[in-house]
C-alpha cells in the first residue's frame, strides 16, 4: 500500500532535496493530521476486527476511506454495511466525519446515514465524546460494536427503529 510517508520520500527524490529549494518548504509542509494518519492507518490495518475491511479509494488521501462492517453475530449477522469516513484538517482535535452509506433500520443510525456513537461527538457532557487521545482504531471498533454490544434501544437516534424492535421482539 502506498502511504503518505513513502509518497513524500518518492516526491523528494524526483524534485531533489528540500535544501536546494527553500521556497518549496512552505508548500510541502505536512499537516499534523497527515502525520498522525500515517501512523494510525498502519496501526488500524494491524488491529482491524475480523468483521471489518477498510478501503482507500485514493491511497494518496489517507484522510478519506471506506469501511465495510460484516457482522458475524447478532441481529445484523450476514449483512454488509458501508461507512464513509473523512478525517478533517483539525484532526485529532475533532472527530472524523462518519456516514453510513447502507440504508439500514437501526436504532443508532438514521435512514439518511447519521450515526449516534458517543466517541463521534465533538463535545460530550459525560466525557465519552471525542478526545485527542482517541484514534481511527477506536472509531472502527466503535462502528463495529454498533452491530453487537453497543446496540442501544434505550437512547436511540432512530426512535422508530428502536420502538419497532422493542414492540416486535
Protein backbone atom coordinates (compact mmCIF):
# COMPACT_ATOMS: atom_id res chain seq x y z
CA UNK A 1 0.00 0.00 0.00
CA UNK A 2 1.21 3.49 -0.81
CA UNK A 3 1.48 5.62 2.31
CA UNK A 4 1.89 9.32 2.69
CA UNK A 5 5.42 8.85 4.07
CA UNK A 6 6.55 6.80 1.08
CA UNK A 7 4.91 9.26 -1.31
CA UNK A 8 6.76 12.18 0.30
CA UNK A 9 10.08 10.33 0.09
CA UNK A 10 9.46 9.47 -3.56
CA UNK A 11 8.48 13.06 -4.38
CA UNK A 12 11.64 14.35 -2.66
CA UNK A 13 13.72 12.05 -4.87
CA UNK A 14 12.02 13.38 -8.00
CA UNK A 15 12.35 17.06 -7.04
CA UNK A 16 15.70 16.83 -5.30
CA UNK A 17 16.48 17.63 -1.69
CA UNK A 18 14.48 20.34 0.05
CA UNK A 19 17.57 22.33 0.92
CA UNK A 20 18.10 23.19 -2.74
CA UNK A 21 14.75 24.98 -2.93
CA UNK A 22 13.79 26.74 0.31
CA UNK A 23 10.65 28.20 -1.30
CA UNK A 24 9.19 24.73 -1.64
CA UNK A 25 9.33 24.21 2.15
CA UNK A 26 6.16 26.24 2.72
CA UNK A 27 4.25 24.36 0.04
CA UNK A 28 5.49 20.92 1.14
CA UNK A 29 4.59 21.08 4.81
CA UNK A 30 2.79 18.02 6.01
CA UNK A 31 -0.16 18.72 8.27
CA UNK A 32 -0.42 17.31 11.77
CA UNK A 33 -3.41 15.33 10.55
CA UNK A 34 -1.43 13.67 7.77
CA UNK A 35 1.48 12.84 10.08
CA UNK A 36 -0.92 11.23 12.54
CA UNK A 37 -2.73 9.35 9.79
CA UNK A 38 0.41 7.63 8.51
CA UNK A 39 0.90 6.09 11.94
CA UNK A 40 -2.79 5.46 12.67
CA UNK A 41 -3.55 3.79 9.34
CA UNK A 42 -0.68 1.35 9.88
CA UNK A 43 -1.96 0.62 13.40
CA UNK A 44 -5.52 0.29 12.13
CA UNK A 45 -4.61 -2.24 9.46
CA UNK A 46 -2.69 -4.30 12.03
CA UNK A 47 -5.59 -4.27 14.55
CA UNK A 48 -8.68 -4.44 12.36
CA UNK A 49 -11.59 -6.54 13.68
CA UNK A 50 -12.12 -9.68 11.59
CA UNK A 51 -15.60 -8.38 10.69
CA UNK A 52 -14.24 -5.16 9.13
CA UNK A 53 -12.45 -4.17 5.94
CA UNK A 54 -11.03 -0.77 5.02
CA UNK A 55 -10.68 0.59 1.52
CA UNK A 56 -8.74 3.68 0.48
CA UNK A 57 -10.16 4.75 -2.91
CA UNK A 58 -7.12 7.02 -3.35
CA UNK A 59 -4.06 5.71 -1.49
CA UNK A 60 -2.60 9.23 -1.53
CA UNK A 61 -5.52 10.51 0.56
CA UNK A 62 -5.36 8.76 3.89
CA UNK A 63 -7.93 11.24 5.25
CA UNK A 64 -10.75 9.63 3.26
CA UNK A 65 -11.60 5.95 3.35
CA UNK A 66 -14.45 3.49 3.41
CA UNK A 67 -15.19 0.85 5.99
CA UNK A 68 -17.21 -2.33 5.49
CA UNK A 69 -18.68 -3.99 8.56
CA UNK A 70 -19.90 -7.57 8.11
CA UNK A 71 -21.30 -8.71 11.49
CA UNK A 72 -20.84 -12.39 12.30
CA UNK A 73 -23.35 -12.43 15.17
CA UNK A 74 -26.49 -10.68 16.42
CA UNK A 75 -29.45 -9.09 14.64
CA UNK A 76 -27.40 -7.90 11.69
CA UNK A 77 -25.43 -11.12 11.11
CA UNK A 78 -24.75 -11.69 7.42
CA UNK A 79 -25.34 -8.06 6.44
CA UNK A 80 -22.74 -5.80 4.87
CA UNK A 81 -22.73 -2.18 5.95
CA UNK A 82 -20.63 0.51 4.26
CA UNK A 83 -19.37 3.62 6.02
CA UNK A 84 -17.62 6.69 4.64
CA UNK A 85 -15.01 8.20 6.94
CA UNK A 86 -13.49 11.63 6.37
CA UNK A 87 -10.76 12.90 8.67
CA UNK A 88 -10.93 16.69 8.83
CA UNK A 89 -7.93 19.05 8.85
CA UNK A 90 -8.45 19.78 12.57
CA UNK A 91 -7.97 16.10 13.47
CA UNK A 92 -7.15 14.98 16.20
CA UNK A 93 -8.85 17.84 18.00
CA UNK A 94 -12.14 16.97 16.27
CA UNK A 95 -13.55 13.53 15.44
CA UNK A 96 -13.73 12.18 11.91
CA UNK A 97 -16.99 12.67 10.00
CA UNK A 98 -18.68 9.31 9.51
CA UNK A 99 -21.71 8.45 7.41
CA UNK A 100 -23.41 5.11 6.87
CA UNK A 101 -23.84 4.59 3.13
CA UNK A 102 -26.01 1.48 3.53
CA UNK A 103 -29.66 2.16 4.23
CA UNK A 104 -30.41 0.35 7.46
CA UNK A 105 -33.15 0.03 10.09
CA UNK A 106 -31.05 0.55 13.22
CA UNK A 107 -31.76 2.41 16.48
CA UNK A 108 -28.41 4.25 16.36
CA UNK A 109 -28.28 5.00 12.61
CA UNK A 110 -30.83 7.10 10.74
CA UNK A 111 -32.10 6.16 7.31
CA UNK A 112 -30.05 9.07 5.92
CA UNK A 113 -26.82 7.68 7.40
CA UNK A 114 -26.32 9.80 10.52
CA UNK A 115 -24.73 7.85 13.36
CA UNK A 116 -25.20 8.06 17.12
CA UNK A 117 -21.92 6.95 18.64
CA UNK A 118 -20.62 8.88 21.64
CA UNK A 119 -16.99 8.96 20.53
CA UNK A 120 -18.03 10.73 17.31
CA UNK A 121 -19.41 13.66 19.32
CA UNK A 122 -17.11 16.65 19.41
CA UNK A 123 -18.35 17.68 22.85
CA UNK A 124 -19.90 15.43 25.43
CA UNK A 125 -21.12 16.18 28.94
CA UNK A 126 -20.39 12.68 30.23
CA UNK A 127 -16.81 12.62 28.96
CA UNK A 128 -17.39 9.79 26.48
CA UNK A 129 -17.13 12.02 23.42
CA UNK A 130 -14.12 12.65 21.23
CA UNK A 131 -10.75 13.29 22.84
CA UNK A 132 -7.37 13.87 21.16
CA UNK A 133 -6.20 10.58 22.65
CA UNK A 134 -8.68 8.64 20.52
CA UNK A 135 -7.63 7.17 17.17
CA UNK A 136 -9.12 5.77 13.97
CA UNK A 137 -8.89 2.33 15.55
CA UNK A 138 -11.34 3.49 18.24
CA UNK A 139 -13.72 4.76 15.55
CA UNK A 140 -13.63 1.50 13.58
CA UNK A 141 -14.08 -0.66 16.69
CA UNK A 142 -16.94 1.62 17.80
CA UNK A 143 -18.72 1.32 14.45
CA UNK A 144 -18.22 -2.44 14.52
CA UNK A 145 -19.70 -2.58 18.03
CA UNK A 146 -22.89 -0.82 16.88
CA UNK A 147 -23.89 -4.19 15.47
CA UNK A 148 -23.18 -6.17 18.64
CA UNK A 149 -22.64 -4.88 22.18
CA UNK A 150 -23.31 -1.15 21.58
CA UNK A 151 -26.72 -1.73 20.00
CA UNK A 152 -28.72 0.75 22.11
CA UNK A 153 -32.51 0.69 22.28
CA UNK A 154 -32.72 2.95 25.36
CA UNK A 155 -31.22 6.14 23.86
CA UNK A 156 -31.84 5.81 20.12
CA UNK A 157 -31.22 8.24 17.29
CA UNK A 158 -33.77 6.42 15.15
CA UNK A 159 -36.67 6.24 17.62
CA UNK A 160 -38.97 4.38 15.22
CA UNK A 161 -36.45 1.58 14.72
CA UNK A 162 -35.94 1.21 18.48
CA UNK A 163 -39.69 1.18 19.18
CA UNK A 164 -40.25 -1.30 16.36
CA UNK A 165 -37.63 -3.66 17.80
CA UNK A 166 -38.96 -3.40 21.36
CA UNK A 167 -42.55 -3.93 20.20
CA UNK A 168 -41.80 -6.91 17.92
CA UNK A 169 -39.06 -8.64 19.91
